[in-house]
Amino acid sequence: MDVDLPNTIQAKFKSDTGEELGSPLDLPLNINKDQLQLICNALLEEEDKPFLFFVNDVEINSTLKDALDTNKLNSEEVIEIIYQEQAVFRVRPVTRCTSSIPGHAEAVISTSFSPSGKELASGSGDTTVRFWDLQTQTPLHVCKGHTNWVLCISWSPDGSKLASACKQGKLILWDPTTGQQIGKTMAGHKQWITALAWEPYHRNPSCRKLASSSKDGDIRIWDTVTCLTLLSLAGHSKAVTSVKWGGNGLIYTASQDRTIKVWRADDGVLCRTLEGHAHWVNTLALSTDYVLRTGPYHPITDRNNFTTDKTVLQQRALERYEAVCATGAERLVSGSDDFTLFLWLPEKEKRPVARMTGHQQLVNDVKFSPDTRILASASFDKSVKLWEAASGKFIITLRGHVQAVYTIAWSADSRLLLSSSADSTLKVWNMKTKKLELDLPGHADEVYAVDWSPDGAYVASGGKDKVLKLWQH
């Protein structure tokens, strides 16, 4: 028999981090998404913030009734409507290669945009670091100082310096405006350097300290003004593969000894060791990576609001950091040769929050979306997988590449994801449809490096074909 549905239902709004908003309301079943938006903004006393709404994990795209399982409706029950804030700005998908810039004589191993998105650098097997002019899309400076492959590069959070590290274990700082070396070459590591991480801007706006991890098993913290080692962190028994400098004064390192270590940045004391992986740990990502990378500059909303006052900038960086750490703790994810990922709350817990399984080959790269809601992982099994960042719950597998996926990069609004592969293509995935948005062929060989500029305007990619490509919408 047909049961007459009620016309209204009791519902309450709850944020995706669990805060309840106001008391339960009587809402008509045919209320639509735009009307929910108006109510939510009124309760939050906000102007016009865009939200997504979910009920029982189903997104409300048209009306509340369409998203509900009406067979299970109980007029006594209060329905929870989960609201999720979306980025106010929109990044348009890159659709075409606007320039292929030759210049490097060997493979392009790393490429990175500055925190403002206005500058671009790359490191190569030809021992040089290059800066590129985004206006004219031509080479700007060629920086010679290394005598071996440049394996990694990293911009300081204020964008004033670029650090590069090579296979010989040496570190050099460069001035992006002149292309000249700053200070002397920093030597100390006995084997090649695998990763670099700067101290976050909100902890020190002078951007002096830099951490490096090496195949020699050590992590060094450098003073980039005196070019001397401040601290050497020894404790891993094998090569260190990744280093991350968190926003609360901790440094996280991953190693081929199967462990992740948590260190206090100020004095180098080992706080805890995170264990669980059965093989080498290859990659780490922090939920705060995007805000730490861009520091005080929101490349899109701060465009016309620029200041050089370091106190203001430091405060701005701290506010942005705290906004994505609403629950007070960073999350860390690790990817390994054992085909799994672990999600951790490394400031508080030794035990993982979740173990994420499903990849059929080693996990090569993992990144949190800038809004910290989704985790993406890339694997040699030719796939990219998406996971809920809070719980580690599996969402979907993105298939389309025909060879190993090397790296991934998010758009600043978290709506698009980019992947690069040994199959010579880049692919853009749409997070709303969870499907392939665009296929970007053009490289003649494996694509090792990819970055999406923090202002969303460009994608840069490089690889075995020695060419740096710029992509725009």
Protein backbone atom coordinates (compact mmCIF):
# COMPACT_ATOMS: atom_id res chain seq x y z
CA MET A 1 0.00 0.00 0.00
CA ASP A 2 1.12 3.55 -0.69
CA VAL A 3 2.07 5.57 2.34
CA ASP A 4 1.42 9.30 2.06
CA LEU A 5 4.75 11.09 2.35
CA PRO A 6 4.97 14.05 4.72
CA ASN A 7 5.44 17.40 2.96
CA THR A 8 7.97 18.59 5.50
CA ILE A 9 10.70 16.93 7.46
CA GLN A 10 12.76 17.80 10.54
CA ALA A 11 16.34 18.46 9.59
CA LYS A 12 19.45 19.99 11.09
CA PHE A 13 22.61 21.28 9.43
CA LYS A 14 25.96 19.84 10.44
CA SER A 15 29.41 20.77 9.08
CA ASP A 16 31.62 18.11 7.53
CA THR A 17 33.87 18.42 10.59
CA GLY A 18 30.95 17.62 12.91
CA GLU A 19 29.79 21.00 14.30
CA GLU A 20 26.01 21.34 14.52
CA LEU A 21 24.49 24.54 13.14
CA GLY A 22 21.45 25.93 14.94
CA SER A 23 18.49 23.83 16.08
CA PRO A 24 16.40 21.44 13.95
CA LEU A 25 14.19 23.07 11.30
CA ASP A 26 11.03 22.00 9.48
CA LEU A 27 12.03 21.84 5.83
CA PRO A 28 9.80 21.07 2.85
CA LEU A 29 10.83 17.89 1.01
CA ASN A 30 10.92 19.77 -2.29
CA ILE A 31 13.46 22.34 -1.01
CA ASN A 32 16.26 22.69 -3.56
CA LYS A 33 20.01 23.15 -3.28
CA ASP A 34 19.91 26.94 -3.82
CA GLN A 35 17.36 27.37 -1.03
CA LEU A 36 19.50 25.23 1.31
CA GLN A 37 22.41 27.49 0.40
CA LEU A 38 20.46 30.59 1.47
CA ILE A 39 19.41 29.02 4.80
CA CYS A 40 22.95 27.78 5.55
CA ASN A 41 24.49 31.19 4.80
CA ALA A 42 21.86 32.89 6.99
CA LEU A 43 22.56 30.54 9.91
CA LEU A 44 26.31 31.05 9.52
CA GLU A 45 25.80 34.81 9.12
CA GLU A 46 27.87 34.70 5.95
CA GLU A 47 27.36 36.53 2.69
CA ASP A 48 27.26 34.16 -0.23
CA LYS A 49 29.43 31.13 0.41
CA PRO A 50 29.05 28.15 -1.94
CA PHE A 51 28.29 24.80 -0.28
CA LEU A 52 27.74 21.18 -1.19
CA PHE A 53 25.02 19.35 0.76
CA PHE A 54 24.84 15.65 1.59
CA VAL A 55 22.26 13.48 3.30
CA ASN A 56 23.30 9.90 4.23
CA ASP A 57 26.40 10.31 2.00
CA VAL A 58 24.23 11.23 -1.03
CA GLU A 59 24.84 14.66 -2.56
CA ILE A 60 21.75 16.87 -2.89
CA ASN A 61 21.91 17.98 -6.52
CA SER A 62 18.29 19.02 -7.08
CA THR A 63 15.82 18.63 -4.19
CA LEU A 64 16.09 17.11 -0.73
CA LYS A 65 13.43 14.54 -1.64
CA ASP A 66 15.48 13.25 -4.60
CA ALA A 67 18.46 12.58 -2.33
CA LEU A 68 16.47 10.79 0.37
CA ASP A 69 15.41 7.17 0.43
CA THR A 70 11.71 7.97 0.88
CA ASN A 71 10.87 4.36 1.81
CA LYS A 72 12.85 4.76 5.01
CA LEU A 73 11.47 8.13 6.02
CA ASN A 74 10.32 8.43 9.58
CA SER A 75 8.47 11.62 10.46
CA GLU A 76 9.81 11.45 14.05
CA GLU A 77 13.45 11.38 12.96
CA VAL A 78 15.69 14.45 12.55
CA ILE A 79 17.61 14.18 9.27
CA GLU A 80 21.22 15.44 9.26
CA ILE A 81 22.18 17.58 6.29
CA ILE A 82 25.97 17.75 6.04
CA TYR A 83 27.28 20.96 4.49
CA GLN A 84 30.73 21.32 2.91
CA GLU A 85 32.18 24.67 1.99
CA GLN A 86 33.53 24.90 -1.55
CA ALA A 87 36.26 27.13 -2.89
CA VAL A 88 34.80 30.50 -3.86
CA PHE A 89 36.98 30.67 -6.96
CA ARG A 90 37.04 28.25 -9.86
CA VAL A 91 40.07 26.92 -11.68
CA ARG A 92 39.44 26.22 -15.34
CA PRO A 93 40.78 22.92 -16.66
CA VAL A 94 43.93 23.18 -18.75
CA THR A 95 43.05 22.10 -22.28
CA ARG A 96 46.00 22.84 -24.52
CA CYS A 97 49.75 22.99 -24.59
CA THR A 98 50.66 26.64 -25.17
CA SER A 99 54.39 26.05 -25.45
CA SER A 100 57.00 23.34 -25.55
CA ILE A 101 60.20 24.93 -24.33
CA PRO A 102 63.41 23.09 -25.09
CA GLY A 103 66.52 24.05 -23.15
CA HIS A 104 67.39 21.17 -20.89
CA ALA A 105 69.93 18.75 -22.36
CA GLU A 106 68.68 15.80 -20.28
CA ALA A 107 65.44 14.63 -18.67
CA VAL A 108 63.42 17.15 -16.64
CA ILE A 109 63.20 15.56 -13.17
CA SER A 110 61.38 18.24 -11.19
CA THR A 111 59.32 21.33 -11.89
CA SER A 112 57.74 23.74 -9.43
CA PHE A 113 55.81 27.03 -9.43
CA SER A 114 56.59 29.68 -6.82
CA PRO A 115 54.08 30.24 -3.96
CA SER A 116 52.49 33.15 -5.88
CA GLY A 117 52.30 31.12 -9.08
CA LYS A 118 54.11 33.89 -10.98
CA GLU A 119 57.45 32.07 -11.41
CA LEU A 120 58.48 28.63 -12.57
CA ALA A 121 61.65 26.59 -12.09
CA SER A 122 62.82 23.15 -13.16
CA GLY A 123 65.70 20.81 -12.33
CA SER A 124 67.23 18.34 -14.75
CA GLY A 125 69.62 15.48 -15.30
CA ASP A 126 71.77 17.98 -17.24
CA THR A 127 72.93 19.38 -13.80
CA THR A 128 71.22 22.76 -14.31
CA VAL A 129 68.32 24.56 -12.68
CA ARG A 130 66.30 26.74 -15.02
CA PHE A 131 63.88 29.60 -14.40
CA TRP A 132 61.24 30.23 -17.05
CA ASP A 133 59.43 33.43 -18.03
CA LEU A 134 55.69 32.69 -17.89
CA GLN A 135 54.76 35.89 -19.77
CA THR A 136 56.85 35.14 -22.86
CA GLN A 137 57.01 31.36 -22.19
CA THR A 138 60.76 31.31 -22.81
CA PRO A 139 63.84 30.39 -20.73
CA LEU A 140 64.83 33.13 -18.28
CA HIS A 141 67.96 31.95 -16.39
CA VAL A 142 70.16 28.88 -16.62
CA CYS A 143 71.76 28.17 -13.24
CA LYS A 144 75.00 26.19 -13.22
CA GLY A 145 76.57 25.04 -9.98
CA HIS A 146 75.76 21.36 -9.57
CA THR A 147 78.02 18.71 -11.08
CA ASN A 148 75.43 15.91 -11.05
CA TRP A 149 71.70 15.41 -11.69
CA VAL A 150 69.43 17.92 -9.96
CA LEU A 151 66.98 15.62 -8.18
CA CYS A 152 64.73 18.05 -6.30
CA ILE A 153 63.90 21.75 -6.07
CA SER A 154 61.87 23.71 -3.53
CA TRP A 155 60.75 27.35 -3.26
CA SER A 156 60.97 29.15 0.07
CA PRO A 157 57.44 30.04 1.30
CA ASP A 158 58.08 33.76 0.64
CA GLY A 159 59.16 32.99 -2.94
CA SER A 160 62.49 34.82 -2.54
CA LYS A 161 64.78 31.78 -2.96
CA LEU A 162 64.80 28.42 -4.67
CA ALA A 163 66.74 25.51 -3.18
CA SER A 164 68.04 22.74 -5.42
CA ALA A 165 69.69 19.46 -4.44
CA CYS A 166 71.68 16.99 -6.50
CA LYS A 167 72.82 13.41 -6.76
CA GLN A 168 76.14 14.38 -5.20
CA GLY A 169 74.43 15.42 -1.96
CA LYS A 170 74.97 19.16 -2.42
CA LEU A 171 72.46 21.95 -1.88
CA ILE A 172 72.44 25.33 -3.64
CA LEU A 173 70.20 28.39 -3.19
CA TRP A 174 69.27 30.56 -6.19
CA ASP A 175 67.88 34.06 -6.59
CA PRO A 176 64.91 33.77 -9.01
CA THR A 177 65.23 37.39 -10.16
CA THR A 178 68.88 37.16 -11.27
CA GLY A 179 69.50 33.41 -11.53
CA GLN A 180 72.62 33.89 -9.37
CA GLN A 181 73.67 31.56 -6.55
CA ILE A 182 72.94 32.86 -3.03
CA GLY A 183 75.69 32.12 -0.47
CA LYS A 184 77.93 29.09 -0.69
CA THR A 185 77.14 25.53 -1.71
CA MET A 186 75.90 23.49 1.25
CA ALA A 187 77.71 20.18 1.55
CA GLY A 188 77.39 17.57 4.29
CA HIS A 189 75.31 14.69 3.00
CA LYS A 190 77.36 11.65 1.99
CA GLN A 191 74.89 10.47 -0.66
CA TRP A 192 72.23 12.01 -2.85
CA ILE A 193 69.43 14.21 -1.50
CA THR A 194 65.91 12.84 -1.91
CA ALA A 195 63.66 15.68 -0.69
CA LEU A 196 63.59 19.25 0.65
CA ALA A 197 61.24 21.07 3.04
CA TRP A 198 61.28 24.69 4.24
CA GLU A 199 60.22 25.87 7.67
CA PRO A 200 56.63 27.19 7.35
CA TYR A 201 56.17 30.94 6.91
CA HIS A 202 53.84 31.35 9.91
CA ARG A 203 56.56 29.95 12.19
CA ASN A 204 59.31 32.15 10.80
CA PRO A 205 58.69 34.75 8.07
CA SER A 206 62.43 35.16 7.40
CA CYS A 207 62.37 31.69 5.74
CA ARG A 208 65.87 30.78 6.94
CA LYS A 209 65.62 27.10 7.76
CA LEU A 210 65.52 24.26 5.28
CA ALA A 211 65.44 20.50 5.87
CA SER A 212 66.94 17.94 3.48
CA SER A 213 66.64 14.15 3.51
CA SER A 214 69.20 11.85 1.95
CA LYS A 215 69.97 8.34 0.80
CA ASP A 216 72.69 8.37 3.52
CA GLY A 217 69.93 7.90 6.16
CA ASP A 218 70.23 11.37 7.70
CA ILE A 219 68.11 14.50 7.71
CA ARG A 220 69.86 17.86 7.97
CA ILE A 221 68.41 21.21 8.99
CA TRP A 222 70.30 24.08 7.36
CA ASP A 223 70.57 27.78 8.10
CA THR A 224 70.26 29.19 4.58
CA VAL A 225 71.94 32.47 5.58
CA THR A 226 75.15 31.01 7.04
CA CYS A 227 74.83 27.91 4.77
CA LEU A 228 75.74 25.67 7.73
CA THR A 229 74.05 22.59 9.21
CA LEU A 230 72.13 23.50 12.39
CA LEU A 231 71.01 19.95 13.25
CA SER A 232 71.61 16.49 11.91
CA LEU A 233 68.80 14.02 12.63
CA ALA A 234 70.10 10.47 12.70
CA GLY A 235 67.88 7.53 13.55
CA HIS A 236 66.78 5.92 10.31
CA SER A 237 68.75 2.79 9.45
CA LYS A 238 68.31 3.12 5.66
CA ALA A 239 67.78 5.80 2.99
CA VAL A 240 65.34 8.59 3.86
CA THR A 241 62.90 9.05 0.97
CA SER A 242 60.79 12.03 2.03
CA VAL A 243 60.76 14.94 4.48
CA LYS A 244 57.85 17.22 5.45
CA TRP A 245 58.02 20.22 7.78
CA GLY A 246 54.67 20.51 9.55
CA GLY A 247 52.98 23.66 10.76
CA ASN A 248 53.15 22.84 14.48
CA GLY A 249 56.92 22.56 14.78
CA LEU A 250 57.34 18.89 13.82
CA ILE A 251 59.32 17.32 10.99
CA TYR A 252 58.14 14.04 9.45
CA THR A 253 60.48 11.69 7.59
CA ALA A 254 59.88 8.45 5.68
CA SER A 255 62.49 5.81 5.01
CA GLN A 256 63.36 2.57 3.29
CA ASP A 257 63.70 1.13 6.83
CA ARG A 258 59.84 0.91 6.68
CA THR A 259 59.30 3.56 9.38
CA ILE A 260 58.12 7.15 9.56
CA LYS A 261 59.75 9.29 12.23
CA VAL A 262 58.39 12.41 13.93
CA TRP A 263 61.03 14.93 15.08
CA ARG A 264 60.87 18.20 16.99
CA ALA A 265 62.17 20.84 14.59
CA ASP A 266 63.66 23.13 17.27
CA ASP A 267 66.07 20.66 18.88
CA GLY A 268 65.91 17.55 16.68
CA VAL A 269 64.49 15.31 19.43
CA LEU A 270 62.76 12.17 18.11
CA CYS A 271 59.14 12.27 19.35
CA ARG A 272 57.83 8.99 17.97
CA THR A 273 58.28 6.33 15.31
CA LEU A 274 55.29 5.27 13.20
CA GLU A 275 55.40 1.64 12.17
CA GLY A 276 53.14 -0.55 10.07
CA HIS A 277 54.44 -0.63 6.51
CA ALA A 278 55.90 -3.93 5.33
CA HIS A 279 58.26 -2.39 2.76
CA TRP A 280 59.97 0.89 1.83
CA VAL A 281 57.97 4.06 2.52
CA ASN A 282 58.21 6.15 -0.67
CA THR A 283 56.11 9.20 -0.17
CA LEU A 284 54.49 11.43 2.46
CA ALA A 285 51.77 14.09 2.25
CA LEU A 286 50.40 16.48 4.86
CA SER A 287 46.81 17.72 4.92
CA THR A 288 48.34 21.21 5.24
CA ASP A 289 50.72 20.93 2.24
CA TYR A 290 48.87 23.46 0.08
CA VAL A 291 48.64 26.22 2.74
CA LEU A 292 52.23 25.61 3.85
CA ARG A 293 53.38 25.83 0.24
CA THR A 294 51.58 29.10 -0.44
CA GLY A 295 52.26 30.56 3.02
CA PRO A 296 50.80 34.06 3.37
CA TYR A 297 49.66 34.35 -0.25
CA HIS A 298 46.33 33.06 -1.33
CA PRO A 299 47.22 33.26 -5.01
CA ILE A 300 43.63 33.94 -6.08
CA THR A 301 41.85 35.86 -3.33
CA ASP A 302 44.90 37.98 -2.34
CA ARG A 303 45.57 39.17 -5.86
CA ASN A 304 44.62 42.79 -5.16
CA ASN A 305 45.34 42.73 -1.46
CA PHE A 306 49.09 42.55 -1.53
CA THR A 307 51.29 43.78 1.30
CA THR A 308 54.98 43.45 2.15
CA ASP A 309 54.49 43.84 5.91
CA LYS A 310 55.91 40.62 7.36
CA THR A 311 53.84 40.85 10.55
CA VAL A 312 50.62 41.06 8.53
CA LEU A 313 51.81 38.27 6.22
CA GLN A 314 52.79 36.03 9.13
CA GLN A 315 49.37 36.55 10.73
CA ARG A 316 47.68 35.81 7.41
CA ALA A 317 49.71 32.61 6.98
CA LEU A 318 48.84 31.51 10.51
CA GLU A 319 45.11 32.16 9.95
CA ARG A 320 45.16 30.16 6.71
CA TYR A 321 46.99 27.32 8.44
CA GLU A 322 44.56 27.24 11.36
CA ALA A 323 41.57 27.32 9.00
CA VAL A 324 42.54 23.99 7.42
CA CYS A 325 43.52 22.54 10.81
CA ALA A 326 40.10 23.21 12.32
CA THR A 327 40.30 20.14 14.52
CA GLY A 328 43.74 21.20 15.71
CA ALA A 329 45.87 18.49 14.14
CA GLU A 330 47.55 17.83 10.83
CA ARG A 331 46.98 14.51 9.13
CA LEU A 332 49.79 12.63 7.44
CA VAL A 333 49.52 9.96 4.79
CA SER A 334 52.29 7.58 3.74
CA GLY A 335 52.56 5.49 0.57
CA SER A 336 54.75 2.42 0.26
CA ASP A 337 56.26 -0.30 -1.88
CA ASP A 338 53.96 -2.69 0.02
CA PHE A 339 51.07 -1.36 -2.19
CA THR A 340 49.32 0.29 0.81
CA LEU A 341 48.79 3.73 2.28
CA PHE A 342 48.47 4.62 5.96
CA LEU A 343 46.65 7.63 7.39
CA TRP A 344 48.12 9.05 10.63
CA LEU A 345 47.49 11.73 13.25
CA PRO A 346 51.24 12.00 13.86
CA GLU A 347 51.16 14.71 16.56
CA LYS A 348 49.10 12.51 18.88
CA GLU A 349 48.98 8.87 17.86
CA LYS A 350 51.46 6.11 17.10
CA ARG A 351 48.73 3.94 15.62
CA PRO A 352 47.39 4.69 12.15
CA VAL A 353 43.84 6.03 11.70
CA ALA A 354 43.40 3.83 8.63
CA ARG A 355 45.19 1.35 6.38
CA MET A 356 44.23 1.87 2.76
CA THR A 357 44.53 -1.14 0.47
CA GLY A 358 43.63 -1.80 -3.13
CA HIS A 359 46.63 -0.79 -5.23
CA GLN A 360 48.22 -3.73 -7.06
CA GLN A 361 51.70 -2.20 -7.29
CA LEU A 362 53.87 0.23 -5.34
CA VAL A 363 52.43 3.63 -4.41
CA ASN A 364 54.49 6.37 -5.97
CA ASP A 365 52.80 9.65 -5.02
CA VAL A 366 50.04 10.81 -2.71
CA LYS A 367 48.50 14.27 -2.26
CA PHE A 368 45.74 15.84 -0.16
CA SER A 369 43.37 18.15 -2.04
CA PRO A 370 43.92 21.81 -1.05
CA ASP A 371 40.59 21.80 0.86
CA THR A 372 41.95 18.72 2.74
CA ARG A 373 38.87 16.59 1.95
CA ILE A 374 40.17 14.06 -0.58
CA LEU A 375 43.36 12.05 -0.86
CA ALA A 376 44.65 10.95 -4.25
CA SER A 377 47.26 8.22 -4.69
CA ALA A 378 49.19 7.27 -7.83
CA SER A 379 50.65 3.85 -8.42
CA PHE A 380 52.73 1.76 -10.78
CA ASP A 381 49.51 -0.27 -11.28
CA LYS A 382 48.48 2.44 -13.86
CA SER A 383 45.69 3.78 -11.64
CA VAL A 384 44.89 6.75 -9.43
CA LYS A 385 42.73 6.08 -6.38
CA LEU A 386 40.66 8.55 -4.37
CA TRP A 387 40.05 8.26 -0.61
CA GLU A 388 38.18 10.26 2.02
CA ALA A 389 40.89 12.25 3.78
CA ALA A 390 39.24 12.18 7.21
CA SER A 391 38.64 8.43 7.43
CA GLY A 392 40.77 6.84 4.70
CA LYS A 393 37.59 5.33 3.21
CA PHE A 394 38.00 4.28 -0.44
CA ILE A 395 36.02 6.37 -2.95
CA ILE A 396 36.88 5.28 -6.49
CA THR A 397 39.64 4.14 -8.88
CA LEU A 398 40.43 6.40 -11.84
CA ARG A 399 41.56 4.34 -14.81
CA GLY A 400 42.83 5.59 -18.14
CA HIS A 401 46.62 5.51 -18.07
CA VAL A 402 48.20 2.53 -19.81
CA GLN A 403 51.49 2.60 -17.88
CA ALA A 404 52.74 3.55 -14.39
CA VAL A 405 51.38 6.81 -12.93
CA TYR A 406 54.28 8.86 -11.52
CA THR A 407 52.94 12.10 -10.06
CA ILE A 408 49.70 13.92 -9.31
CA ALA A 409 48.81 17.59 -8.78
CA TRP A 410 45.60 19.25 -7.61
CA SER A 411 44.00 22.44 -8.88
CA ALA A 412 43.81 25.13 -6.17
CA ASP A 413 40.00 24.81 -5.93
CA SER A 414 40.20 21.02 -5.36
CA ARG A 415 37.80 20.40 -8.25
CA LEU A 416 40.34 18.91 -10.68
CA LEU A 417 43.21 16.45 -10.39
CA LEU A 418 46.08 15.99 -12.80
CA SER A 419 48.16 12.84 -13.26
CA SER A 420 51.35 12.19 -15.23
CA SER A 421 52.51 8.83 -16.47
CA ALA A 422 55.13 6.68 -18.13
CA ASP A 423 52.64 6.46 -21.03
CA SER A 424 53.72 10.04 -22.07
CA THR A 425 50.34 11.62 -21.28
CA LEU A 426 48.85 13.90 -18.66
CA LYS A 427 45.24 13.37 -17.67
CA VAL A 428 42.82 15.78 -15.98
CA TRP A 429 40.14 14.20 -13.76
CA ASN A 430 36.92 15.92 -12.69
CA MET A 431 36.15 15.47 -8.99
CA LYS A 432 32.41 16.06 -9.36
CA THR A 433 31.88 13.34 -11.96
CA LYS A 434 34.94 11.28 -10.83
CA LYS A 435 35.67 10.78 -14.53
CA LEU A 436 38.32 11.72 -17.06
CA GLU A 437 37.85 15.35 -18.10
CA LEU A 438 40.72 15.69 -20.57
CA ASP A 439 43.52 13.69 -22.09
CA LEU A 440 46.68 15.74 -22.70
CA PRO A 441 49.08 13.96 -25.05
CA GLY A 442 52.11 15.78 -26.40
CA HIS A 443 55.19 14.53 -24.60
CA ALA A 444 57.35 12.15 -26.61
CA ASP A 445 58.26 9.99 -23.60
CA GLU A 446 57.64 9.35 -19.88
CA VAL A 447 56.40 12.37 -17.88
CA TYR A 448 58.29 12.56 -14.55
CA ALA A 449 57.34 15.96 -13.23
CA VAL A 450 54.13 17.95 -13.12
CA ASP A 451 52.92 20.98 -11.16
CA TRP A 452 49.74 23.05 -11.21
CA SER A 453 50.39 26.70 -10.39
CA PRO A 454 48.84 27.79 -7.07
CA ASP A 455 46.84 30.49 -8.91
CA GLY A 456 45.38 27.86 -11.23
CA ALA A 457 46.57 29.56 -14.43
CA TYR A 458 49.17 27.08 -15.68
CA VAL A 459 50.29 23.49 -15.57
CA ALA A 460 53.96 22.69 -16.19
CA SER A 461 55.19 19.23 -17.09
CA GLY A 462 58.55 17.72 -17.92
CA GLY A 463 60.10 14.34 -18.48
CA LYS A 464 62.35 12.07 -20.40
CA ASP A 465 61.94 13.99 -23.69
CA LYS A 466 63.90 16.95 -22.11
CA VAL A 467 61.10 19.38 -22.95
CA LEU A 468 59.23 21.59 -20.49
CA LYS A 469 55.60 22.01 -21.54
CA LEU A 470 53.19 24.71 -20.37
CA TRP A 471 49.47 24.05 -20.49
CA GLN A 472 46.63 26.57 -20.18
CA HIS A 473 42.85 26.57 -20.49
